[in-house]
Amino acid sequence: MREIEGYLMPEDLYYHKEHMWVRVEDGKAIVGLTDFNQKAAGELSFIELPMEGDEVSKDEVVGSFETGKWLGKIYAPVSGTVTKVNEELEDDPSIVNKDPYGEGWLFEIEMSNPDELKELMKGDSDEVVEWLKKEIEKIKK
């Protein structure tokens, strides 16, 4: 687990520029919000996720979340079919705040083009460190 200025970034994940993470398991992409995203947003009070069976495209807005501060967008980091949704979040979206990389996962995608993972940042790369530091600077202003 890598920590960058107080934000956790597991090294075994892929990261999308809109603060989504991807964990690949059995050829499927498990998707969630990064620690940075949930901390910047504050406690989630509502979440809208895609439906099982939805066809999604990389970089497409597929859902949203609300906090006391703002309305955030949820993006598909890869293309494919949504095969599973974390229904527990409908009753308690704050699970994302408590465990963004575990119990707070959002949905699972059967990838139609696994090569799209190459377009994401790897958690163990210098690229992800530089990107996150720039994002942290933006919210400090």
C-alpha atoms as a PDB file:
ATOM      1  CA  MET A   1       0.000   0.000   0.000  1.00  0.00           C
ATOM      2  CA  ARG A   2       1.440   3.329  -1.053  1.00  0.00           C
ATOM      3  CA  GLU A   3       0.609   6.543   0.802  1.00  0.00           C
ATOM      4  CA  ILE A   4       0.917   9.845  -1.030  1.00  0.00           C
ATOM      5  CA  GLU A   5       0.486  12.944   1.161  1.00  0.00           C
ATOM      6  CA  GLY A   6      -2.039  11.154   3.381  1.00  0.00           C
ATOM      7  CA  TYR A   7      -3.977   9.406   0.586  1.00  0.00           C
ATOM      8  CA  LEU A   8      -3.823   5.642   0.191  1.00  0.00           C
ATOM      9  CA  MET A   9      -3.111   4.251  -3.276  1.00  0.00           C
ATOM     10  CA  PRO A  10      -2.823   0.451  -3.424  1.00  0.00           C
ATOM     11  CA  GLU A  11      -0.031  -0.445  -5.826  1.00  0.00           C
ATOM     12  CA  ASP A  12      -1.834  -3.446  -7.337  1.00  0.00           C
ATOM     13  CA  LEU A  13      -4.651  -1.338  -8.813  1.00  0.00           C
ATOM     14  CA  TYR A  14      -5.115   0.655 -11.998  1.00  0.00           C
ATOM     15  CA  TYR A  15      -6.240   4.284 -11.781  1.00  0.00           C
ATOM     16  CA  HIS A  16      -8.443   6.365 -14.077  1.00  0.00           C
ATOM     17  CA  LYS A  17      -7.848  10.132 -14.324  1.00  0.00           C
ATOM     18  CA  GLU A  18     -11.330  10.802 -12.876  1.00  0.00           C
ATOM     19  CA  HIS A  19     -10.359   9.167  -9.563  1.00  0.00           C
ATOM     20  CA  MET A  20     -11.734   5.709 -10.185  1.00  0.00           C
ATOM     21  CA  TRP A  21      -9.737   2.551  -9.424  1.00  0.00           C
ATOM     22  CA  VAL A  22      -9.809  -0.879 -11.087  1.00  0.00           C
ATOM     23  CA  ARG A  23      -8.882  -4.248  -9.606  1.00  0.00           C
ATOM     24  CA  VAL A  24      -8.772  -7.089 -12.134  1.00  0.00           C
ATOM     25  CA  GLU A  25     -10.139 -10.431 -10.887  1.00  0.00           C
ATOM     26  CA  ASP A  26     -10.909 -13.381 -13.168  1.00  0.00           C
ATOM     27  CA  GLY A  27     -10.925 -11.133 -16.242  1.00  0.00           C
ATOM     28  CA  LYS A  28     -13.412  -8.733 -14.697  1.00  0.00           C
ATOM     29  CA  ALA A  29     -12.806  -5.157 -13.582  1.00  0.00           C
ATOM     30  CA  ILE A  30     -13.938  -4.313 -10.045  1.00  0.00           C
ATOM     31  CA  VAL A  31     -14.396  -0.513  -9.893  1.00  0.00           C
ATOM     32  CA  GLY A  32     -14.436   1.979  -7.025  1.00  0.00           C
ATOM     33  CA  LEU A  33     -13.695   5.566  -5.963  1.00  0.00           C
ATOM     34  CA  THR A  34     -10.162   6.430  -4.873  1.00  0.00           C
ATOM     35  CA  ASP A  35      -9.328   7.411  -1.308  1.00  0.00           C
ATOM     36  CA  PHE A  36      -8.574  10.922  -2.606  1.00  0.00           C
ATOM     37  CA  ASN A  37     -11.990  11.173  -4.277  1.00  0.00           C
ATOM     38  CA  GLN A  38     -13.985  10.085  -1.222  1.00  0.00           C
ATOM     39  CA  LYS A  39     -11.960  12.285   1.181  1.00  0.00           C
ATOM     40  CA  ALA A  40     -12.258  15.362  -1.055  1.00  0.00           C
ATOM     41  CA  ALA A  41     -16.003  14.786  -1.436  1.00  0.00           C
ATOM     42  CA  GLY A  42     -16.818  14.146   2.212  1.00  0.00           C
ATOM     43  CA  GLU A  43     -19.305  11.611   3.555  1.00  0.00           C
ATOM     44  CA  LEU A  44     -21.447  10.120   0.812  1.00  0.00           C
ATOM     45  CA  SER A  45     -25.176  10.546   1.435  1.00  0.00           C
ATOM     46  CA  PHE A  46     -26.486   9.149  -1.871  1.00  0.00           C
ATOM     47  CA  ILE A  47     -25.089   7.042  -4.688  1.00  0.00           C
ATOM     48  CA  GLU A  48     -26.489   6.124  -8.086  1.00  0.00           C
ATOM     49  CA  LEU A  49     -24.779   3.210  -9.814  1.00  0.00           C
ATOM     50  CA  PRO A  50     -25.220   1.655 -13.259  1.00  0.00           C
ATOM     51  CA  MET A  51     -27.593  -1.308 -13.569  1.00  0.00           C
ATOM     52  CA  GLU A  52     -26.507  -4.902 -14.011  1.00  0.00           C
ATOM     53  CA  GLY A  53     -26.527  -5.641 -17.736  1.00  0.00           C
ATOM     54  CA  ASP A  54     -25.717  -2.060 -18.759  1.00  0.00           C
ATOM     55  CA  GLU A  55     -23.215  -1.704 -21.587  1.00  0.00           C
ATOM     56  CA  VAL A  56     -20.682   0.969 -20.641  1.00  0.00           C
ATOM     57  CA  SER A  57     -17.885   2.675 -22.582  1.00  0.00           C
ATOM     58  CA  LYS A  58     -14.506   3.777 -21.237  1.00  0.00           C
ATOM     59  CA  ASP A  59     -14.649   7.347 -19.838  1.00  0.00           C
ATOM     60  CA  GLU A  60     -18.486   7.388 -19.898  1.00  0.00           C
ATOM     61  CA  VAL A  61     -20.360   8.842 -16.908  1.00  0.00           C
ATOM     62  CA  VAL A  62     -22.306   5.855 -15.534  1.00  0.00           C
ATOM     63  CA  GLY A  63     -23.511   7.134 -12.166  1.00  0.00           C
ATOM     64  CA  SER A  64     -23.205   9.810  -9.512  1.00  0.00           C
ATOM     65  CA  PHE A  65     -22.773  10.383  -5.816  1.00  0.00           C
ATOM     66  CA  GLU A  66     -23.785  13.157  -3.457  1.00  0.00           C
ATOM     67  CA  THR A  67     -22.303  14.527  -0.273  1.00  0.00           C
ATOM     68  CA  GLY A  68     -23.093  17.597   1.778  1.00  0.00           C
ATOM     69  CA  LYS A  69     -20.539  19.437  -0.387  1.00  0.00           C
ATOM     70  CA  TRP A  70     -21.125  18.332  -3.938  1.00  0.00           C
ATOM     71  CA  LEU A  71     -22.447  16.052  -6.638  1.00  0.00           C
ATOM     72  CA  GLY A  72     -19.740  13.820  -8.107  1.00  0.00           C
ATOM     73  CA  LYS A  73     -19.682  11.744 -11.269  1.00  0.00           C
ATOM     74  CA  ILE A  74     -18.873   8.050 -11.516  1.00  0.00           C
ATOM     75  CA  TYR A  75     -17.002   7.005 -14.655  1.00  0.00           C
ATOM     76  CA  ALA A  76     -16.469   3.679 -16.377  1.00  0.00           C
ATOM     77  CA  PRO A  77     -12.682   3.237 -16.471  1.00  0.00           C
ATOM     78  CA  VAL A  78     -13.025   0.447 -19.073  1.00  0.00           C
ATOM     79  CA  SER A  79     -15.657  -0.670 -21.586  1.00  0.00           C
ATOM     80  CA  GLY A  80     -17.888  -3.710 -21.183  1.00  0.00           C
ATOM     81  CA  THR A  81     -20.995  -5.032 -19.475  1.00  0.00           C
ATOM     82  CA  VAL A  82     -21.840  -4.344 -15.833  1.00  0.00           C
ATOM     83  CA  THR A  83     -22.141  -7.794 -14.240  1.00  0.00           C
ATOM     84  CA  LYS A  84     -22.518  -6.880 -10.568  1.00  0.00           C
ATOM     85  CA  VAL A  85     -23.374  -3.821  -8.476  1.00  0.00           C
ATOM     86  CA  ASN A  86     -22.629  -3.287  -4.772  1.00  0.00           C
ATOM     87  CA  GLU A  87     -26.241  -3.071  -3.570  1.00  0.00           C
ATOM     88  CA  GLU A  88     -25.183  -2.454   0.048  1.00  0.00           C
ATOM     89  CA  LEU A  89     -24.241   1.089  -0.988  1.00  0.00           C
ATOM     90  CA  GLU A  90     -27.883   1.946  -1.721  1.00  0.00           C
ATOM     91  CA  ASP A  91     -28.663   1.615   1.998  1.00  0.00           C
ATOM     92  CA  ASP A  92     -25.334   2.956   3.272  1.00  0.00           C
ATOM     93  CA  PRO A  93     -23.236   4.901   0.730  1.00  0.00           C
ATOM     94  CA  SER A  94     -20.829   5.913   3.513  1.00  0.00           C
ATOM     95  CA  ILE A  95     -19.279   2.414   3.237  1.00  0.00           C
ATOM     96  CA  VAL A  96     -17.238   4.003   0.422  1.00  0.00           C
ATOM     97  CA  ASN A  97     -15.786   6.474   2.950  1.00  0.00           C
ATOM     98  CA  LYS A  98     -14.978   3.750   5.470  1.00  0.00           C
ATOM     99  CA  ASP A  99     -13.367   1.279   3.047  1.00  0.00           C
ATOM    100  CA  PRO A 100     -12.949   2.695  -0.484  1.00  0.00           C
ATOM    101  CA  TYR A 101     -10.746  -0.182  -1.703  1.00  0.00           C
ATOM    102  CA  GLY A 102     -12.637  -3.041  -0.026  1.00  0.00           C
ATOM    103  CA  GLU A 103     -16.294  -3.163   1.043  1.00  0.00           C
ATOM    104  CA  GLY A 104     -16.868   0.191  -0.690  1.00  0.00           C
ATOM    105  CA  TRP A 105     -16.353  -1.146  -4.235  1.00  0.00           C
ATOM    106  CA  LEU A 106     -19.001   0.140  -6.669  1.00  0.00           C
ATOM    107  CA  PHE A 107     -19.540  -2.274  -9.570  1.00  0.00           C
ATOM    108  CA  GLU A 108     -17.959  -4.980 -11.708  1.00  0.00           C
ATOM    109  CA  ILE A 109     -17.462  -4.911 -15.493  1.00  0.00           C
ATOM    110  CA  GLU A 110     -16.963  -7.847 -17.846  1.00  0.00           C
ATOM    111  CA  MET A 111     -14.370  -6.111 -20.021  1.00  0.00           C
ATOM    112  CA  SER A 112     -15.004  -6.058 -23.762  1.00  0.00           C
ATOM    113  CA  ASN A 113     -11.469  -4.779 -24.432  1.00  0.00           C
ATOM    114  CA  PRO A 114      -8.937  -5.662 -21.696  1.00  0.00           C
ATOM    115  CA  ASP A 115      -6.266  -3.713 -23.631  1.00  0.00           C
ATOM    116  CA  GLU A 116      -7.930  -0.529 -22.296  1.00  0.00           C
ATOM    117  CA  LEU A 117      -6.208  -1.280 -18.981  1.00  0.00           C
ATOM    118  CA  LYS A 118      -2.971  -0.135 -20.657  1.00  0.00           C
ATOM    119  CA  GLU A 119      -4.496   3.364 -20.912  1.00  0.00           C
ATOM    120  CA  LEU A 120      -4.910   3.552 -17.117  1.00  0.00           C
ATOM    121  CA  MET A 121      -2.183   4.425 -14.612  1.00  0.00           C
ATOM    122  CA  LYS A 122      -0.611   1.548 -12.700  1.00  0.00           C
ATOM    123  CA  GLY A 123      -0.577   1.957  -8.932  1.00  0.00           C
ATOM    124  CA  ASP A 124       3.116   1.132  -8.667  1.00  0.00           C
ATOM    125  CA  SER A 125       4.174   3.728 -11.275  1.00  0.00           C
ATOM    126  CA  ASP A 126       5.769   7.153 -10.841  1.00  0.00           C
ATOM    127  CA  GLU A 127       3.036   8.455 -13.153  1.00  0.00           C
ATOM    128  CA  VAL A 128       0.332   7.837 -10.535  1.00  0.00           C
ATOM    129  CA  VAL A 129       2.377   9.660  -7.869  1.00  0.00           C
ATOM    130  CA  GLU A 130       2.869  12.739 -10.075  1.00  0.00           C
ATOM    131  CA  TRP A 131      -0.799  12.749 -11.101  1.00  0.00           C
ATOM    132  CA  LEU A 132      -2.075  12.537  -7.519  1.00  0.00           C
ATOM    133  CA  LYS A 133       0.303  15.266  -6.310  1.00  0.00           C
ATOM    134  CA  LYS A 134      -1.088  17.589  -9.020  1.00  0.00           C
ATOM    135  CA  GLU A 135      -4.661  16.712  -7.982  1.00  0.00           C
ATOM    136  CA  ILE A 136      -3.821  17.438  -4.320  1.00  0.00           C
ATOM    137  CA  GLU A 137      -2.403  20.851  -5.314  1.00  0.00           C
ATOM    138  CA  LYS A 138      -5.671  21.682  -7.130  1.00  0.00           C
ATOM    139  CA  ILE A 139      -7.764  21.233  -3.982  1.00  0.00           C
ATOM    140  CA  LYS A 140      -5.325  23.190  -1.836  1.00  0.00           C
ATOM    141  CA  LYS A 141      -5.943  26.319  -3.918  1.00  0.00           C
END
